[in-house]
């Protein structure tokens, strides 16, 4: 069974359920846009148009990364980088930039090249 899709609103919703107490407040259109953005970021990093040709294990890792990125984008759509409250401050990473761990998880998928057709070699002909 091949995983056809990367991040989907349903997958991200389940992932967000760990941190969002009221999933009824989730905006479906914004969540779909976050999924689309995350899928584009991940596929661009892989330099692949789809997951076709990857093993199921590698596809599962790619889907997991895309889901994490989509959740990050949904939570921080304006790419907010920091905030301060008195003496306390928080710094955030741009949600569209893959972390080192995510790039490491995608390494196997990125190294699997798509063969776009038969390789033809031209040999010398001696008559």
N, C-alpha and C. Protein backbone atom coordinates (compact mmCIF):
# COMPACT_ATOMS: atom_id res chain seq x y z
N UNK A 1 0.84 -1.18 0.00
CA UNK A 1 0.00 0.00 0.00
C UNK A 1 0.88 1.23 0.00
N UNK A 2 0.79 2.05 -1.01
CA UNK A 2 1.59 3.26 -1.10
C UNK A 2 0.82 4.45 -0.53
N UNK A 3 1.53 5.31 0.15
CA UNK A 3 0.93 6.53 0.68
C UNK A 3 0.87 7.55 -0.44
N UNK A 4 -0.31 7.93 -0.85
CA UNK A 4 -0.45 8.80 -2.01
C UNK A 4 -0.29 10.27 -1.66
N UNK A 5 -0.63 10.64 -0.44
CA UNK A 5 -0.62 12.05 -0.09
C UNK A 5 0.42 12.34 0.98
N UNK A 6 0.85 13.57 1.02
CA UNK A 6 1.75 14.00 2.08
C UNK A 6 0.89 14.49 3.24
N UNK A 7 1.09 15.72 3.66
CA UNK A 7 0.30 16.27 4.76
C UNK A 7 -1.14 16.50 4.29
N UNK A 8 -2.09 16.09 5.11
CA UNK A 8 -3.50 16.32 4.84
C UNK A 8 -4.11 16.99 6.07
N UNK A 9 -5.21 17.70 5.91
CA UNK A 9 -5.85 18.30 7.08
C UNK A 9 -6.18 17.27 8.17
N UNK A 10 -6.58 16.06 7.80
CA UNK A 10 -6.90 15.04 8.80
C UNK A 10 -5.65 14.64 9.58
N UNK A 11 -4.54 14.42 8.89
CA UNK A 11 -3.29 14.05 9.57
C UNK A 11 -2.81 15.18 10.48
N UNK A 12 -2.85 16.39 9.96
CA UNK A 12 -2.39 17.53 10.76
C UNK A 12 -3.32 17.76 11.94
N UNK A 13 -4.63 17.55 11.74
CA UNK A 13 -5.58 17.68 12.84
C UNK A 13 -5.27 16.71 13.96
N UNK A 14 -4.93 15.47 13.61
CA UNK A 14 -4.56 14.49 14.63
C UNK A 14 -3.27 14.90 15.34
N UNK A 15 -2.33 15.42 14.58
CA UNK A 15 -1.07 15.89 15.16
C UNK A 15 -1.32 17.08 16.07
N UNK A 16 -2.17 18.01 15.63
CA UNK A 16 -2.49 19.19 16.44
C UNK A 16 -3.29 18.83 17.69
N UNK A 17 -4.01 17.73 17.66
CA UNK A 17 -4.82 17.33 18.81
C UNK A 17 -3.96 17.16 20.06
N UNK A 18 -2.66 16.97 19.86
CA UNK A 18 -1.76 16.85 20.99
C UNK A 18 -1.55 18.20 21.68
N UNK A 19 -1.75 19.31 20.95
CA UNK A 19 -1.45 20.62 21.52
C UNK A 19 -2.63 21.60 21.50
N UNK A 20 -3.60 21.38 20.63
CA UNK A 20 -4.75 22.26 20.53
C UNK A 20 -5.90 21.62 21.30
N UNK A 21 -6.39 22.31 22.32
CA UNK A 21 -7.42 21.70 23.18
C UNK A 21 -8.78 21.65 22.52
N UNK A 22 -9.10 22.63 21.68
CA UNK A 22 -10.41 22.67 21.04
C UNK A 22 -10.23 22.65 19.52
N UNK A 23 -10.28 21.46 18.93
CA UNK A 23 -10.07 21.34 17.48
C UNK A 23 -11.21 21.96 16.68
N UNK A 24 -12.34 22.28 17.33
CA UNK A 24 -13.44 22.94 16.62
C UNK A 24 -13.04 24.34 16.18
N UNK A 25 -12.02 24.92 16.81
CA UNK A 25 -11.58 26.26 16.46
C UNK A 25 -10.62 26.27 15.27
N UNK A 26 -10.24 25.10 14.78
CA UNK A 26 -9.31 25.02 13.65
C UNK A 26 -10.01 25.49 12.39
N UNK A 27 -9.39 26.41 11.67
CA UNK A 27 -9.92 26.94 10.42
C UNK A 27 -9.53 26.00 9.28
N UNK A 28 -10.52 25.37 8.66
CA UNK A 28 -10.26 24.36 7.62
C UNK A 28 -9.50 24.91 6.42
N UNK A 29 -9.86 26.11 5.96
CA UNK A 29 -9.18 26.69 4.79
C UNK A 29 -7.72 26.99 5.10
N UNK A 30 -7.47 27.53 6.28
CA UNK A 30 -6.09 27.83 6.68
C UNK A 30 -5.28 26.54 6.84
N UNK A 31 -5.91 25.52 7.38
CA UNK A 31 -5.24 24.24 7.56
C UNK A 31 -4.90 23.62 6.21
N UNK A 32 -5.82 23.71 5.24
CA UNK A 32 -5.54 23.18 3.90
C UNK A 32 -4.38 23.94 3.26
N UNK A 33 -4.35 25.27 3.42
CA UNK A 33 -3.26 26.07 2.86
C UNK A 33 -1.93 25.69 3.52
N UNK A 34 -1.94 25.46 4.82
CA UNK A 34 -0.72 25.04 5.52
C UNK A 34 -0.23 23.69 4.99
N UNK A 35 -1.16 22.78 4.72
CA UNK A 35 -0.80 21.47 4.15
C UNK A 35 -0.19 21.64 2.76
N UNK A 36 -0.82 22.46 1.93
CA UNK A 36 -0.30 22.69 0.58
C UNK A 36 1.10 23.29 0.62
N UNK A 37 1.29 24.27 1.51
CA UNK A 37 2.60 24.91 1.65
C UNK A 37 3.65 23.90 2.12
N UNK A 38 3.31 23.11 3.13
CA UNK A 38 4.25 22.12 3.67
C UNK A 38 4.62 21.08 2.62
N UNK A 39 3.64 20.61 1.87
CA UNK A 39 3.90 19.62 0.83
C UNK A 39 4.86 20.19 -0.22
N UNK A 40 4.65 21.45 -0.59
CA UNK A 40 5.53 22.09 -1.57
C UNK A 40 6.95 22.23 -1.02
N UNK A 41 7.08 22.62 0.24
CA UNK A 41 8.40 22.77 0.86
C UNK A 41 9.14 21.43 0.87
N UNK A 42 8.46 20.37 1.28
CA UNK A 42 9.09 19.07 1.39
C UNK A 42 9.45 18.51 0.01
N UNK A 43 8.53 18.57 -0.94
CA UNK A 43 8.83 18.05 -2.28
C UNK A 43 9.93 18.87 -2.96
N UNK A 44 9.96 20.18 -2.71
CA UNK A 44 11.03 21.01 -3.26
C UNK A 44 12.38 20.59 -2.68
N UNK A 45 12.41 20.34 -1.37
CA UNK A 45 13.65 19.90 -0.75
C UNK A 45 14.11 18.56 -1.34
N UNK A 46 13.15 17.68 -1.60
CA UNK A 46 13.48 16.37 -2.16
C UNK A 46 13.84 16.44 -3.64
N UNK A 47 13.50 17.56 -4.28
CA UNK A 47 13.69 17.70 -5.72
C UNK A 47 12.95 16.60 -6.48
N UNK A 48 11.70 16.35 -6.03
CA UNK A 48 10.85 15.32 -6.62
C UNK A 48 9.46 15.89 -6.81
N UNK A 49 8.75 15.46 -7.84
CA UNK A 49 7.37 15.92 -8.02
C UNK A 49 6.36 15.14 -7.18
N UNK A 50 6.74 13.95 -6.71
CA UNK A 50 5.83 13.12 -5.92
C UNK A 50 6.64 12.09 -5.14
N UNK A 51 5.93 11.23 -4.42
CA UNK A 51 6.58 10.17 -3.66
C UNK A 51 6.73 8.88 -4.46
N UNK A 52 6.34 8.89 -5.71
CA UNK A 52 6.41 7.71 -6.57
C UNK A 52 7.83 7.16 -6.61
N UNK A 53 7.93 5.85 -6.42
CA UNK A 53 9.23 5.20 -6.50
C UNK A 53 9.95 5.05 -5.18
N UNK A 54 9.41 5.63 -4.11
CA UNK A 54 10.03 5.50 -2.80
C UNK A 54 9.43 4.32 -2.05
N UNK A 55 10.22 3.68 -1.22
CA UNK A 55 9.70 2.58 -0.41
C UNK A 55 8.67 3.13 0.58
N UNK A 56 7.83 2.24 1.10
CA UNK A 56 6.79 2.65 2.04
C UNK A 56 7.38 3.27 3.30
N UNK A 57 8.51 2.74 3.76
CA UNK A 57 9.14 3.27 4.96
C UNK A 57 9.62 4.69 4.74
N UNK A 58 10.22 4.95 3.60
CA UNK A 58 10.71 6.29 3.28
C UNK A 58 9.52 7.22 3.08
N UNK A 59 8.46 6.75 2.41
CA UNK A 59 7.27 7.57 2.23
C UNK A 59 6.67 7.97 3.59
N UNK A 60 6.64 7.03 4.53
CA UNK A 60 6.09 7.32 5.86
C UNK A 60 6.90 8.42 6.55
N UNK A 61 8.21 8.39 6.41
CA UNK A 61 9.06 9.42 7.01
C UNK A 61 8.79 10.78 6.35
N UNK A 62 8.63 10.79 5.04
CA UNK A 62 8.35 12.04 4.32
C UNK A 62 6.99 12.60 4.75
N UNK A 63 5.99 11.74 4.87
CA UNK A 63 4.66 12.17 5.31
C UNK A 63 4.73 12.75 6.72
N UNK A 64 5.49 12.12 7.60
CA UNK A 64 5.63 12.61 8.97
C UNK A 64 6.24 14.01 8.99
N UNK A 65 7.30 14.21 8.22
CA UNK A 65 7.94 15.53 8.17
C UNK A 65 6.98 16.56 7.60
N UNK A 66 6.29 16.23 6.52
CA UNK A 66 5.35 17.18 5.92
C UNK A 66 4.23 17.54 6.91
N UNK A 67 3.79 16.57 7.69
CA UNK A 67 2.74 16.82 8.68
C UNK A 67 3.24 17.77 9.76
N UNK A 68 4.47 17.55 10.25
CA UNK A 68 5.04 18.44 11.26
C UNK A 68 5.19 19.86 10.73
N UNK A 69 5.66 19.98 9.49
CA UNK A 69 5.85 21.31 8.89
C UNK A 69 4.49 22.00 8.71
N UNK A 70 3.48 21.26 8.27
CA UNK A 70 2.14 21.84 8.10
C UNK A 70 1.58 22.34 9.43
N UNK A 71 1.78 21.58 10.49
CA UNK A 71 1.30 22.01 11.81
C UNK A 71 2.03 23.28 12.24
N UNK A 72 3.32 23.35 11.98
CA UNK A 72 4.09 24.56 12.32
C UNK A 72 3.60 25.77 11.54
N UNK A 73 3.35 25.57 10.25
CA UNK A 73 2.87 26.67 9.41
C UNK A 73 1.49 27.11 9.88
N UNK A 74 0.63 26.15 10.23
CA UNK A 74 -0.71 26.50 10.69
C UNK A 74 -0.65 27.31 11.98
N UNK A 75 0.22 26.91 12.90
CA UNK A 75 0.33 27.62 14.18
C UNK A 75 1.00 28.98 14.03
N UNK A 76 1.83 29.16 13.02
CA UNK A 76 2.59 30.40 12.86
C UNK A 76 2.57 30.85 11.40
N UNK A 77 1.40 31.19 10.85
CA UNK A 77 1.30 31.49 9.42
C UNK A 77 2.00 32.79 9.02
N UNK A 78 2.16 33.72 9.93
CA UNK A 78 2.78 35.00 9.56
C UNK A 78 4.29 34.97 9.78
N UNK A 79 4.84 33.79 10.03
CA UNK A 79 6.28 33.61 10.20
C UNK A 79 6.82 34.49 11.33
N UNK A 80 6.03 34.63 12.39
CA UNK A 80 6.40 35.39 13.56
C UNK A 80 7.69 34.81 14.13
N UNK A 81 8.69 35.65 14.41
CA UNK A 81 9.99 35.14 14.82
C UNK A 81 10.30 35.31 16.30
N UNK A 82 9.60 36.17 17.01
CA UNK A 82 9.91 36.33 18.42
C UNK A 82 8.90 37.19 19.14
N UNK A 83 8.88 37.07 20.45
CA UNK A 83 8.01 37.89 21.26
C UNK A 83 8.63 38.07 22.63
N UNK A 84 8.30 39.17 23.29
CA UNK A 84 8.82 39.45 24.62
C UNK A 84 7.68 39.83 25.55
N UNK A 85 7.75 39.33 26.76
CA UNK A 85 6.81 39.68 27.82
C UNK A 85 7.64 40.05 29.04
N UNK A 86 7.90 41.32 29.21
CA UNK A 86 8.74 41.74 30.33
C UNK A 86 10.14 41.21 30.15
N UNK A 87 10.57 40.38 31.11
CA UNK A 87 11.92 39.82 31.04
C UNK A 87 11.98 38.50 30.26
N UNK A 88 10.84 37.93 29.97
CA UNK A 88 10.80 36.65 29.24
C UNK A 88 10.63 36.91 27.75
N UNK A 89 11.36 36.15 26.95
CA UNK A 89 11.21 36.26 25.50
C UNK A 89 11.27 34.88 24.88
N UNK A 90 10.64 34.76 23.71
CA UNK A 90 10.61 33.50 22.96
C UNK A 90 11.02 33.79 21.53
N UNK A 91 11.81 32.90 20.96
CA UNK A 91 12.21 33.03 19.57
C UNK A 91 11.71 31.80 18.82
N UNK A 92 11.16 32.03 17.64
CA UNK A 92 10.61 30.96 16.83
C UNK A 92 11.40 30.84 15.53
N UNK A 93 11.36 29.66 14.96
CA UNK A 93 11.98 29.41 13.66
C UNK A 93 10.94 29.66 12.58
N UNK A 94 11.37 30.17 11.43
CA UNK A 94 10.46 30.30 10.30
C UNK A 94 9.84 28.93 10.06
N UNK A 95 8.52 28.82 10.07
CA UNK A 95 7.89 27.49 9.96
C UNK A 95 8.12 26.81 8.63
N UNK A 96 8.54 27.55 7.62
CA UNK A 96 8.74 26.97 6.29
C UNK A 96 10.17 26.48 6.04
N UNK A 97 11.03 26.64 7.04
CA UNK A 97 12.41 26.17 6.92
C UNK A 97 12.52 24.84 7.64
N UNK A 98 13.03 23.83 6.94
CA UNK A 98 13.18 22.51 7.54
C UNK A 98 14.28 22.54 8.60
N UNK A 99 14.04 21.88 9.72
CA UNK A 99 15.05 21.78 10.76
C UNK A 99 16.11 20.76 10.35
N UNK A 100 17.21 20.72 11.06
CA UNK A 100 18.26 19.75 10.77
C UNK A 100 17.76 18.32 10.91
N UNK A 101 16.94 18.07 11.93
CA UNK A 101 16.38 16.73 12.12
C UNK A 101 15.47 16.34 10.95
N UNK A 102 14.68 17.29 10.48
CA UNK A 102 13.78 17.00 9.35
C UNK A 102 14.58 16.73 8.09
N UNK A 103 15.62 17.51 7.84
CA UNK A 103 16.46 17.26 6.66
C UNK A 103 17.11 15.89 6.75
N UNK A 104 17.52 15.49 7.96
CA UNK A 104 18.12 14.16 8.14
C UNK A 104 17.10 13.07 7.85
N UNK A 105 15.86 13.26 8.29
CA UNK A 105 14.82 12.26 8.02
C UNK A 105 14.54 12.14 6.53
N UNK A 106 14.71 13.22 5.80
CA UNK A 106 14.41 13.22 4.36
C UNK A 106 15.60 12.78 3.51
N UNK A 107 16.75 12.56 4.12
CA UNK A 107 17.96 12.25 3.36
C UNK A 107 17.80 11.04 2.45
N UNK A 108 17.20 9.95 2.97
CA UNK A 108 17.03 8.74 2.14
C UNK A 108 16.12 9.01 0.95
N UNK A 109 15.07 9.81 1.18
CA UNK A 109 14.14 10.10 0.09
C UNK A 109 14.81 10.99 -0.95
N UNK A 110 15.65 11.90 -0.49
CA UNK A 110 16.30 12.80 -1.43
C UNK A 110 17.34 12.08 -2.27
N UNK A 111 17.98 11.09 -1.68
CA UNK A 111 19.02 10.38 -2.43
C UNK A 111 18.45 9.38 -3.42
N UNK A 112 17.18 9.01 -3.27
CA UNK A 112 16.54 8.09 -4.21
C UNK A 112 16.12 8.89 -5.44
N UNK A 113 16.81 8.72 -6.50
CA UNK A 113 16.55 9.49 -7.72
C UNK A 113 15.45 8.85 -8.55
N UNK A 114 14.70 9.68 -9.21
CA UNK A 114 13.67 9.20 -10.11
C UNK A 114 14.30 8.98 -11.48
N UNK A 115 14.13 7.78 -12.01
CA UNK A 115 14.61 7.49 -13.35
C UNK A 115 13.49 7.82 -14.30
N UNK A 116 13.74 8.68 -15.24
CA UNK A 116 12.69 9.21 -16.10
C UNK A 116 12.54 8.45 -17.42
N UNK A 117 13.14 7.33 -17.55
CA UNK A 117 13.01 6.55 -18.77
C UNK A 117 14.22 5.66 -18.94
N UNK A 118 14.22 4.87 -19.98
CA UNK A 118 15.36 3.97 -20.18
C UNK A 118 16.62 4.76 -20.51
N UNK A 119 17.73 4.26 -20.02
CA UNK A 119 19.01 4.88 -20.34
C UNK A 119 19.51 4.26 -21.62
N UNK A 120 19.82 5.11 -22.57
CA UNK A 120 20.29 4.63 -23.84
C UNK A 120 21.74 5.05 -24.02
N UNK A 121 22.54 4.14 -24.45
CA UNK A 121 23.94 4.46 -24.70
C UNK A 121 24.20 4.24 -26.18
N UNK A 122 25.02 5.07 -26.70
CA UNK A 122 25.40 4.93 -28.10
C UNK A 122 26.82 4.37 -28.14
N UNK A 123 26.96 3.25 -28.77
CA UNK A 123 28.28 2.63 -28.89
C UNK A 123 28.88 2.95 -30.24
N UNK A 124 30.16 2.79 -30.32
CA UNK A 124 30.80 3.03 -31.61
C UNK A 124 30.55 1.83 -32.52
N UNK A 125 30.33 2.12 -33.77
CA UNK A 125 30.10 1.04 -34.72
C UNK A 125 31.27 1.00 -35.67
N UNK A 126 31.87 -0.13 -35.76
CA UNK A 126 32.99 -0.33 -36.70
C UNK A 126 32.50 -1.18 -37.86
N UNK A 127 32.54 -0.63 -39.02
CA UNK A 127 32.05 -1.36 -40.18
C UNK A 127 33.16 -1.93 -40.97
